[in-house]
Amino acid sequence: MSAFDEQPRGGAHNACDSCGLVARRDFLLGATRAAAGALIALGAAPAVAAAAPIDIISALRGGREDKTYPIPAADGTQIDKAGEAMITRWQGKVYAFSLSCPHQNTALKWSDSEKQFECPKHHSRFTPDGIYIKDSGRATRGLDRLAIRKDGNNIVVNLDKAYQEDEEEAAWKAAVVIL
């Protein structure tokens, strides 16, 4: 009888006793450890995450194009994961950026201690107003700014209208709400 032949129930021999299969529990434990290691390698370690607080927000209303957000109360960055946007208030101005680095679309992170955005993949850094910090990584331009306007105590962001600094410089510079 081979290891793949059916064994009688309750018998002393289990078909998998001699094979190299990993038990389900051991597999899941290993997979969990590998995923945690990958997250840490990508910069999601608890110590790093605690050093860079970011508020996660959702739009108050709006469809895919126009989303309405409250004006941030203080300087800092808020992220709308669903809309893939970052809302940043900085020195009396509000900006809306694409969540992705302009180099390879990697999700950016905010360093509260350094007051700048950073791409965890190639370490490009950007000022709070989206300007690329020269020679800091592989990016070659500022963050993509989204079309933004003020509406009472809120801002309205068009998630489908992004301006690239190197292609639409005037529109990129104008994509700001002055408080």
Protein backbone atom coordinates (compact mmCIF):
# COMPACT_ATOMS: atom_id res chain seq x y z
CA MET A 1 0.00 0.00 0.00
CA SER A 2 1.40 3.45 -0.92
CA ALA A 3 1.17 6.59 1.21
CA PHE A 4 -1.65 7.81 -1.02
CA ASP A 5 -3.81 4.71 -0.65
CA GLU A 6 -6.77 5.04 1.64
CA GLN A 7 -6.05 3.97 5.20
CA PRO A 8 -8.70 2.54 7.46
CA ARG A 9 -10.17 5.04 9.92
CA GLY A 10 -8.74 4.83 13.38
CA GLY A 11 -5.74 2.92 12.08
CA ALA A 12 -2.29 3.53 13.51
CA HIS A 13 -0.87 4.76 10.21
CA ASN A 14 -1.69 8.26 8.87
CA ALA A 15 -0.91 8.87 5.18
CA CYS A 16 0.75 12.20 5.97
CA ASP A 17 2.96 10.96 8.82
CA SER A 18 5.81 10.28 6.45
CA CYS A 19 5.32 13.17 4.01
CA GLY A 20 6.83 16.63 4.24
CA LEU A 21 3.56 18.54 4.53
CA VAL A 22 3.41 21.34 7.08
CA ALA A 23 0.57 21.33 9.58
CA ARG A 24 -2.02 24.03 8.95
CA ARG A 25 -1.33 25.76 12.26
CA ASP A 26 2.42 25.85 11.58
CA PHE A 27 1.80 27.19 8.09
CA LEU A 28 -0.47 29.98 9.34
CA LEU A 29 2.00 30.93 12.07
CA GLY A 30 4.84 31.11 9.53
CA ALA A 31 2.73 33.13 7.09
CA THR A 32 1.75 35.56 9.84
CA ARG A 33 5.37 36.02 10.84
CA ALA A 34 6.39 36.58 7.20
CA ALA A 35 3.65 39.18 6.72
CA ALA A 36 4.66 40.99 9.91
CA GLY A 37 8.29 40.97 8.77
CA ALA A 38 7.29 42.42 5.41
CA LEU A 39 5.29 45.20 7.08
CA ILE A 40 8.20 46.05 9.33
CA ALA A 41 10.53 46.10 6.32
CA LEU A 42 8.14 48.51 4.59
CA GLY A 43 8.30 50.92 7.50
CA ALA A 44 5.20 49.87 9.42
CA ALA A 45 7.01 49.02 12.65
CA PRO A 46 5.10 50.21 15.72
CA ALA A 47 7.89 52.60 16.76
CA VAL A 48 7.96 54.20 13.30
CA ALA A 49 4.19 54.39 13.09
CA ALA A 50 3.98 56.06 16.51
CA ALA A 51 6.55 58.66 15.45
CA ALA A 52 4.50 59.73 12.45
CA PRO A 53 0.87 60.22 13.51
CA ILE A 54 -1.61 60.75 10.71
CA ASP A 55 -5.36 61.16 10.97
CA ILE A 56 -7.44 58.86 8.79
CA ILE A 57 -10.51 60.67 7.46
CA SER A 58 -13.49 60.14 5.19
CA ALA A 59 -15.22 62.65 2.99
CA LEU A 60 -18.32 64.31 4.44
CA ARG A 61 -20.10 63.95 1.13
CA GLY A 62 -19.58 63.76 -2.60
CA GLY A 63 -19.22 61.36 -5.47
CA ARG A 64 -15.97 60.15 -7.01
CA GLU A 65 -15.07 63.49 -8.52
CA ASP A 66 -15.85 66.07 -5.82
CA LYS A 67 -15.37 65.12 -2.17
CA THR A 68 -16.08 67.51 0.68
CA TYR A 69 -13.86 67.55 3.77
CA PRO A 70 -13.82 69.78 6.83
CA ILE A 71 -10.96 72.27 6.86
CA PRO A 72 -8.29 70.76 9.15
CA ALA A 73 -8.18 72.57 12.51
CA ALA A 74 -4.38 72.57 12.79
CA ASP A 75 -1.24 72.05 10.73
CA GLY A 76 -0.77 68.41 9.77
CA THR A 77 -1.88 65.77 7.31
CA GLN A 78 -5.04 63.70 7.07
CA ILE A 79 -5.49 60.71 4.78
CA ASP A 80 -8.59 59.55 2.95
CA LYS A 81 -7.60 55.98 2.07
CA ALA A 82 -10.76 55.35 0.07
CA GLY A 83 -10.18 58.47 -2.02
CA GLU A 84 -6.39 57.92 -2.13
CA ALA A 85 -5.86 61.54 -1.10
CA MET A 86 -3.97 63.48 1.56
CA ILE A 87 -5.31 66.74 2.93
CA THR A 88 -2.55 68.91 4.39
CA ARG A 89 -2.91 72.13 6.31
CA TRP A 90 0.35 74.04 6.50
CA GLN A 91 1.04 77.65 7.50
CA GLY A 92 -2.37 79.07 6.62
CA LYS A 93 -2.87 77.03 3.46
CA VAL A 94 -4.62 73.75 2.64
CA TYR A 95 -3.41 71.36 -0.06
CA ALA A 96 -4.82 68.11 -1.42
CA PHE A 97 -2.32 65.58 -2.75
CA SER A 98 -2.45 62.20 -4.37
CA LEU A 99 -1.49 59.58 -1.78
CA SER A 100 1.15 58.16 -4.13
CA CYS A 101 4.75 59.11 -4.79
CA PRO A 102 5.12 60.54 -8.30
CA HIS A 103 8.05 58.20 -8.99
CA GLN A 104 6.45 54.74 -8.72
CA ASN A 105 3.08 55.31 -7.04
CA THR A 106 4.16 54.00 -3.63
CA ALA A 107 1.99 55.20 -0.74
CA LEU A 108 3.72 58.06 1.06
CA LYS A 109 4.13 58.50 4.78
CA TRP A 110 4.24 61.70 6.85
CA SER A 111 7.06 62.33 9.30
CA ASP A 112 5.64 64.58 11.99
CA SER A 113 9.05 65.07 13.59
CA GLU A 114 10.65 66.22 10.30
CA LYS A 115 7.50 67.88 8.93
CA GLN A 116 7.79 66.24 5.53
CA PHE A 117 6.45 63.41 3.39
CA GLU A 118 8.68 60.47 2.56
CA CYS A 119 8.44 57.62 0.09
CA PRO A 120 9.39 54.43 1.94
CA LYS A 121 10.50 52.74 -1.29
CA HIS A 122 13.24 55.06 -2.60
CA HIS A 123 13.32 57.71 0.16
CA SER A 124 12.21 60.69 -1.89
CA ARG A 125 11.14 63.48 0.47
CA PHE A 126 8.69 66.33 -0.01
CA THR A 127 7.92 69.51 1.92
CA PRO A 128 4.41 69.97 3.41
CA ASP A 129 3.40 71.97 0.33
CA GLY A 130 4.41 69.08 -1.94
CA ILE A 131 7.74 70.37 -3.26
CA TYR A 132 10.34 67.67 -3.95
CA ILE A 133 13.46 67.98 -1.78
CA LYS A 134 16.28 67.83 -4.33
CA ASP A 135 18.52 64.73 -4.37
CA SER A 136 16.49 62.99 -1.65
CA GLY A 137 15.49 59.97 -3.72
CA ARG A 138 14.43 58.94 -7.20
CA ALA A 139 11.49 61.32 -7.68
CA THR A 140 12.08 64.21 -10.07
CA ARG A 141 9.11 66.47 -9.29
CA GLY A 142 6.72 67.51 -6.55
CA LEU A 143 3.67 65.61 -5.33
CA ASP A 144 0.63 65.58 -7.57
CA ARG A 145 -1.77 68.25 -6.30
CA LEU A 146 -5.50 67.71 -6.61
CA ALA A 147 -7.93 70.45 -7.64
CA ILE A 148 -9.22 72.10 -4.45
CA ARG A 149 -11.58 74.93 -3.52
CA LYS A 150 -13.11 76.36 -0.37
CA ASP A 151 -16.85 75.98 0.32
CA GLY A 152 -17.81 77.66 3.61
CA ASN A 153 -16.08 75.79 6.45
CA ASN A 154 -15.14 72.93 4.15
CA ILE A 155 -12.90 72.22 1.22
CA VAL A 156 -13.98 70.42 -1.92
CA VAL A 157 -11.41 68.22 -3.65
CA ASN A 158 -11.76 66.82 -7.18
CA LEU A 159 -10.12 63.41 -6.88
CA ASP A 160 -10.08 62.99 -10.66
CA LYS A 161 -8.21 66.23 -11.39
CA ALA A 162 -4.52 65.95 -10.50
CA TYR A 163 -1.88 68.46 -11.55
CA GLN A 164 1.74 67.51 -12.11
CA GLU A 165 4.30 70.16 -11.24
CA ASP A 166 6.40 69.55 -14.35
CA GLU A 167 3.51 69.48 -16.85
CA GLU A 168 0.96 71.98 -15.49
CA GLU A 169 3.04 74.28 -13.31
CA ALA A 170 0.55 77.19 -13.16
CA ALA A 171 -2.39 74.93 -12.25
CA TRP A 172 -0.17 73.03 -9.78
CA LYS A 173 0.78 76.27 -8.01
CA ALA A 174 -2.87 77.43 -7.97
CA ALA A 175 -4.15 74.17 -6.40
CA VAL A 176 -4.25 75.56 -2.87
CA VAL A 177 -6.80 77.10 -0.50
CA ILE A 178 -5.55 80.12 1.43
CA LEU A 179 -7.18 80.43 4.85
